[in-house]
N, C-alpha and C. Protein backbone atom coordinates (compact mmCIF):
# COMPACT_ATOMS: atom_id res chain seq x y z
N UNK A 1 -80.98 -76.93 32.41
CA UNK A 1 -81.67 -76.79 31.28
C UNK A 1 -81.15 -76.02 30.32
N UNK A 2 -81.19 -76.58 28.86
CA UNK A 2 -80.82 -76.52 28.01
C UNK A 2 -81.72 -74.99 27.03
N UNK A 3 -80.90 -74.05 26.55
CA UNK A 3 -81.35 -73.32 25.05
C UNK A 3 -81.79 -73.40 24.03
N UNK A 4 -83.27 -72.87 23.87
CA UNK A 4 -83.31 -73.61 22.22
C UNK A 4 -83.05 -72.70 20.98
N UNK A 5 -82.46 -72.77 20.50
CA UNK A 5 -81.74 -72.30 19.40
C UNK A 5 -82.87 -71.86 18.42
N UNK A 6 -83.35 -70.37 17.92
CA UNK A 6 -84.07 -70.55 16.91
C UNK A 6 -83.28 -70.62 15.45
N UNK A 7 -84.16 -71.51 14.58
CA UNK A 7 -83.90 -71.80 12.98
C UNK A 7 -83.78 -70.68 12.19
N UNK A 8 -84.93 -69.75 12.82
CA UNK A 8 -85.25 -68.25 12.35
C UNK A 8 -83.58 -67.74 11.67
N UNK A 9 -83.05 -67.57 10.46
CA UNK A 9 -81.90 -67.08 10.23
C UNK A 9 -82.12 -65.30 10.45
N UNK A 10 -83.03 -64.58 10.88
CA UNK A 10 -83.33 -63.57 11.29
C UNK A 10 -83.98 -63.25 12.23
N UNK A 11 -83.93 -64.08 13.33
CA UNK A 11 -83.51 -64.05 14.43
C UNK A 11 -82.87 -62.86 15.19
N UNK A 12 -83.44 -62.06 15.98
CA UNK A 12 -81.94 -61.15 16.56
C UNK A 12 -81.53 -60.05 15.70
N UNK A 13 -82.00 -59.82 14.07
CA UNK A 13 -81.59 -59.26 13.11
C UNK A 13 -82.45 -58.28 13.18
N UNK A 14 -81.65 -56.78 13.19
CA UNK A 14 -83.40 -55.51 13.37
C UNK A 14 -83.25 -55.25 11.41
N UNK A 15 -84.20 -55.23 11.04
CA UNK A 15 -84.42 -53.76 10.29
C UNK A 15 -82.90 -53.57 9.59
N UNK A 16 -82.45 -52.39 10.32
CA UNK A 16 -81.74 -51.66 10.33
C UNK A 16 -80.50 -52.33 9.94
N UNK A 17 -79.85 -53.39 10.93
CA UNK A 17 -78.60 -54.26 10.23
C UNK A 17 -79.24 -54.95 8.78
N UNK A 18 -80.18 -55.10 8.71
CA UNK A 18 -80.10 -56.03 7.16
C UNK A 18 -79.84 -54.65 6.09
N UNK A 19 -80.68 -53.38 6.38
CA UNK A 19 -80.34 -52.49 5.22
C UNK A 19 -79.26 -52.16 5.03
N UNK A 20 -78.34 -51.78 6.35
CA UNK A 20 -77.15 -51.89 6.52
C UNK A 20 -75.98 -52.77 5.92
N UNK A 21 -76.28 -54.10 6.15
CA UNK A 21 -75.86 -55.05 5.50
C UNK A 21 -76.07 -55.44 4.10
N UNK A 22 -77.08 -54.93 3.55
CA UNK A 22 -77.53 -55.00 2.04
C UNK A 22 -76.57 -54.14 1.01
N UNK A 23 -76.97 -52.76 1.87
CA UNK A 23 -75.69 -51.33 1.49
C UNK A 23 -74.83 -51.82 1.47
N UNK A 24 -74.28 -52.54 2.00
CA UNK A 24 -72.52 -52.64 2.35
C UNK A 24 -71.91 -53.57 1.55
N UNK A 25 -73.13 -54.50 1.29
CA UNK A 25 -72.62 -55.69 0.41
C UNK A 25 -73.08 -55.61 -1.61
N UNK A 26 -74.27 -54.63 -1.62
CA UNK A 26 -74.59 -54.90 -3.04
C UNK A 26 -74.22 -53.05 -3.20
N UNK A 27 -74.75 -52.00 -2.25
CA UNK A 27 -74.76 -50.90 -2.45
C UNK A 27 -75.98 -50.10 -3.18
N UNK A 28 -76.48 -49.06 -3.09
CA UNK A 28 -78.11 -48.67 -3.06
C UNK A 28 -78.20 -49.04 -4.81
N UNK A 29 -77.37 -48.81 -5.63
CA UNK A 29 -77.55 -49.11 -7.27
C UNK A 29 -77.99 -50.80 -7.66
N UNK A 30 -77.43 -51.44 -7.44
CA UNK A 30 -78.06 -53.08 -7.08
C UNK A 30 -78.67 -53.43 -6.72
N UNK A 31 -78.87 -52.90 -4.96
CA UNK A 31 -79.96 -53.18 -3.99
C UNK A 31 -81.21 -52.92 -4.84
N UNK A 32 -81.17 -51.20 -5.25
CA UNK A 32 -82.66 -50.62 -6.50
C UNK A 32 -82.85 -51.30 -7.43
N UNK A 33 -82.13 -52.40 -8.03
CA UNK A 33 -82.10 -53.30 -9.34
C UNK A 33 -82.92 -54.25 -8.12
N UNK A 34 -82.41 -54.66 -7.62
CA UNK A 34 -82.80 -56.69 -7.17
C UNK A 34 -84.33 -55.99 -6.55
N UNK A 35 -84.37 -55.13 -5.89
CA UNK A 35 -85.55 -54.63 -5.17
C UNK A 35 -85.99 -53.23 -5.58
N UNK A 36 -86.93 -53.27 -6.49
CA UNK A 36 -87.45 -51.83 -7.60
C UNK A 36 -88.61 -51.44 -6.67
N UNK A 37 -87.74 -50.55 -5.32
CA UNK A 37 -88.50 -49.35 -4.84
C UNK A 37 -88.30 -48.48 -5.03
N UNK A 38 -88.87 -47.59 -4.72
CA UNK A 38 -88.37 -46.02 -5.00
C UNK A 38 -87.18 -45.39 -3.73
N UNK A 39 -87.53 -45.90 -2.68
CA UNK A 39 -86.35 -45.33 -1.16
C UNK A 39 -85.26 -46.01 -1.84
N UNK A 40 -85.12 -47.14 -2.27
CA UNK A 40 -83.48 -47.47 -3.04
C UNK A 40 -82.89 -46.80 -4.16
N UNK A 41 -83.70 -46.38 -5.12
CA UNK A 41 -83.75 -45.66 -6.45
C UNK A 41 -83.83 -44.37 -6.48
N UNK A 42 -84.39 -43.71 -5.78
CA UNK A 42 -84.09 -42.04 -5.28
C UNK A 42 -83.70 -41.45 -4.47
N UNK A 43 -82.61 -40.48 -4.59
CA UNK A 43 -82.02 -40.17 -3.23
C UNK A 43 -82.09 -41.19 -1.95
N UNK A 44 -81.46 -42.44 -2.00
CA UNK A 44 -81.76 -43.34 -1.20
C UNK A 44 -80.81 -43.10 -0.07
N UNK A 45 -81.12 -43.53 1.14
CA UNK A 45 -80.77 -43.60 2.16
C UNK A 45 -80.64 -44.70 3.18
N UNK A 46 -80.54 -45.00 4.34
CA UNK A 46 -80.61 -46.14 5.18
C UNK A 46 -82.04 -45.36 5.79
N UNK A 47 -81.72 -43.96 6.23
CA UNK A 47 -83.15 -43.78 7.21
C UNK A 47 -84.08 -43.43 6.34
N UNK A 48 -83.56 -43.23 5.35
CA UNK A 48 -85.69 -42.93 4.53
C UNK A 48 -85.84 -44.45 3.96
N UNK A 49 -85.28 -45.49 3.51
CA UNK A 49 -85.34 -46.89 3.60
C UNK A 49 -86.35 -47.19 4.83
N UNK A 50 -85.42 -47.39 6.11
CA UNK A 50 -86.25 -47.62 7.18
C UNK A 50 -87.37 -46.97 7.09
N UNK A 51 -87.99 -45.87 7.14
CA UNK A 51 -88.52 -45.51 7.66
C UNK A 51 -89.91 -45.69 6.46
N UNK A 52 -89.65 -45.70 5.20
CA UNK A 52 -90.78 -46.51 4.51
C UNK A 52 -90.55 -48.15 4.71
N UNK A 53 -89.85 -48.73 4.75
CA UNK A 53 -89.51 -50.09 4.97
C UNK A 53 -90.63 -50.76 6.09
N UNK A 54 -90.43 -50.07 7.11
CA UNK A 54 -91.18 -49.86 8.61
C UNK A 54 -92.97 -50.17 8.48
N UNK A 55 -93.22 -49.20 7.30
CA UNK A 55 -94.61 -49.17 7.07
C UNK A 55 -95.21 -50.01 5.63
N UNK A 56 -94.39 -50.56 5.17
CA UNK A 56 -94.36 -51.15 4.20
C UNK A 56 -94.39 -52.98 4.20
N UNK A 57 -95.42 -53.09 4.84
CA UNK A 57 -95.19 -55.03 4.88
C UNK A 57 -94.28 -55.53 3.34
N UNK A 58 -95.33 -55.36 2.39
CA UNK A 58 -94.65 -56.02 1.23
C UNK A 58 -93.20 -55.75 0.89
N UNK A 59 -92.89 -54.36 1.45
CA UNK A 59 -91.45 -54.39 0.63
C UNK A 59 -90.27 -54.76 1.95
N UNK A 60 -91.26 -54.83 3.37
CA UNK A 60 -89.89 -55.48 4.03
C UNK A 60 -89.66 -56.88 4.17
N UNK A 61 -90.92 -57.49 3.23
CA UNK A 61 -90.95 -58.94 2.77
C UNK A 61 -89.56 -59.37 1.87
N UNK A 62 -89.82 -58.17 0.57
CA UNK A 62 -88.84 -58.07 -0.09
C UNK A 62 -87.13 -58.44 0.36
N UNK A 63 -87.21 -57.11 1.27
CA UNK A 63 -86.00 -56.99 2.28
C UNK A 63 -85.52 -58.33 2.67
N UNK A 64 -86.11 -59.24 3.68
CA UNK A 64 -86.05 -60.10 4.31
C UNK A 64 -85.46 -61.08 3.61
N UNK A 65 -86.25 -61.53 2.30
CA UNK A 65 -86.20 -62.38 1.43
C UNK A 65 -84.73 -62.48 0.90
N UNK A 66 -84.06 -60.78 0.50
CA UNK A 66 -82.87 -61.02 -0.20
C UNK A 66 -81.68 -61.18 0.92
N UNK A 67 -82.08 -60.60 2.05
CA UNK A 67 -80.95 -60.72 3.55
C UNK A 67 -80.69 -62.03 3.22
N UNK A 68 -81.70 -62.85 3.51
CA UNK A 68 -81.65 -64.57 3.92
C UNK A 68 -81.01 -65.20 2.47
N UNK A 69 -81.12 -64.76 1.58
CA UNK A 69 -80.84 -65.24 0.12
C UNK A 69 -79.25 -64.84 0.06
N UNK A 70 -78.92 -63.47 0.28
CA UNK A 70 -77.50 -63.16 0.63
C UNK A 70 -76.58 -63.42 1.34
N UNK A 71 -77.30 -63.69 2.55
CA UNK A 71 -76.70 -64.38 4.01
C UNK A 71 -75.54 -65.23 3.80
N UNK A 72 -75.51 -66.11 3.58
CA UNK A 72 -73.96 -67.15 2.66
C UNK A 72 -73.62 -66.43 2.07
N UNK A 73 -73.71 -65.75 1.28
CA UNK A 73 -72.68 -64.60 0.28
C UNK A 73 -71.53 -63.92 1.06
N UNK A 74 -72.31 -63.30 2.06
CA UNK A 74 -71.87 -62.27 2.81
C UNK A 74 -70.96 -62.92 4.36
N UNK A 75 -71.26 -64.37 4.25
CA UNK A 75 -70.24 -65.06 5.39
C UNK A 75 -69.36 -65.71 5.09
N UNK A 76 -69.42 -65.18 3.37
CA UNK A 76 -67.92 -66.12 2.55
C UNK A 76 -66.65 -64.55 3.14
N UNK A 77 -66.60 -63.33 3.13
CA UNK A 77 -66.30 -62.98 2.89
C UNK A 77 -65.06 -62.64 4.27
C-alpha cells in the first residue's frame, strides 16, 4: 500500500515550531515589522505569542502565510 504524502507545506508543523523558526530566522524586531501585532512588538516571547495566536485566527493565518513564504529561504541555509 502506498502512503499519500500531503502537499500542504504546513502538514505536521506545529504553531510553536513555526513561531520558533520565524523568530530564529527574522528575530522579533523584523517579525514585528512583517506582521504588525502586539505580541511580536511589545515584550515579545514565544510563549506569549503562542497564547495570542492560538486564540486569534486572523493573526495565526498571517503567521502561517509568512512561514510558507519563508520556508524556501530557511531551507537554503
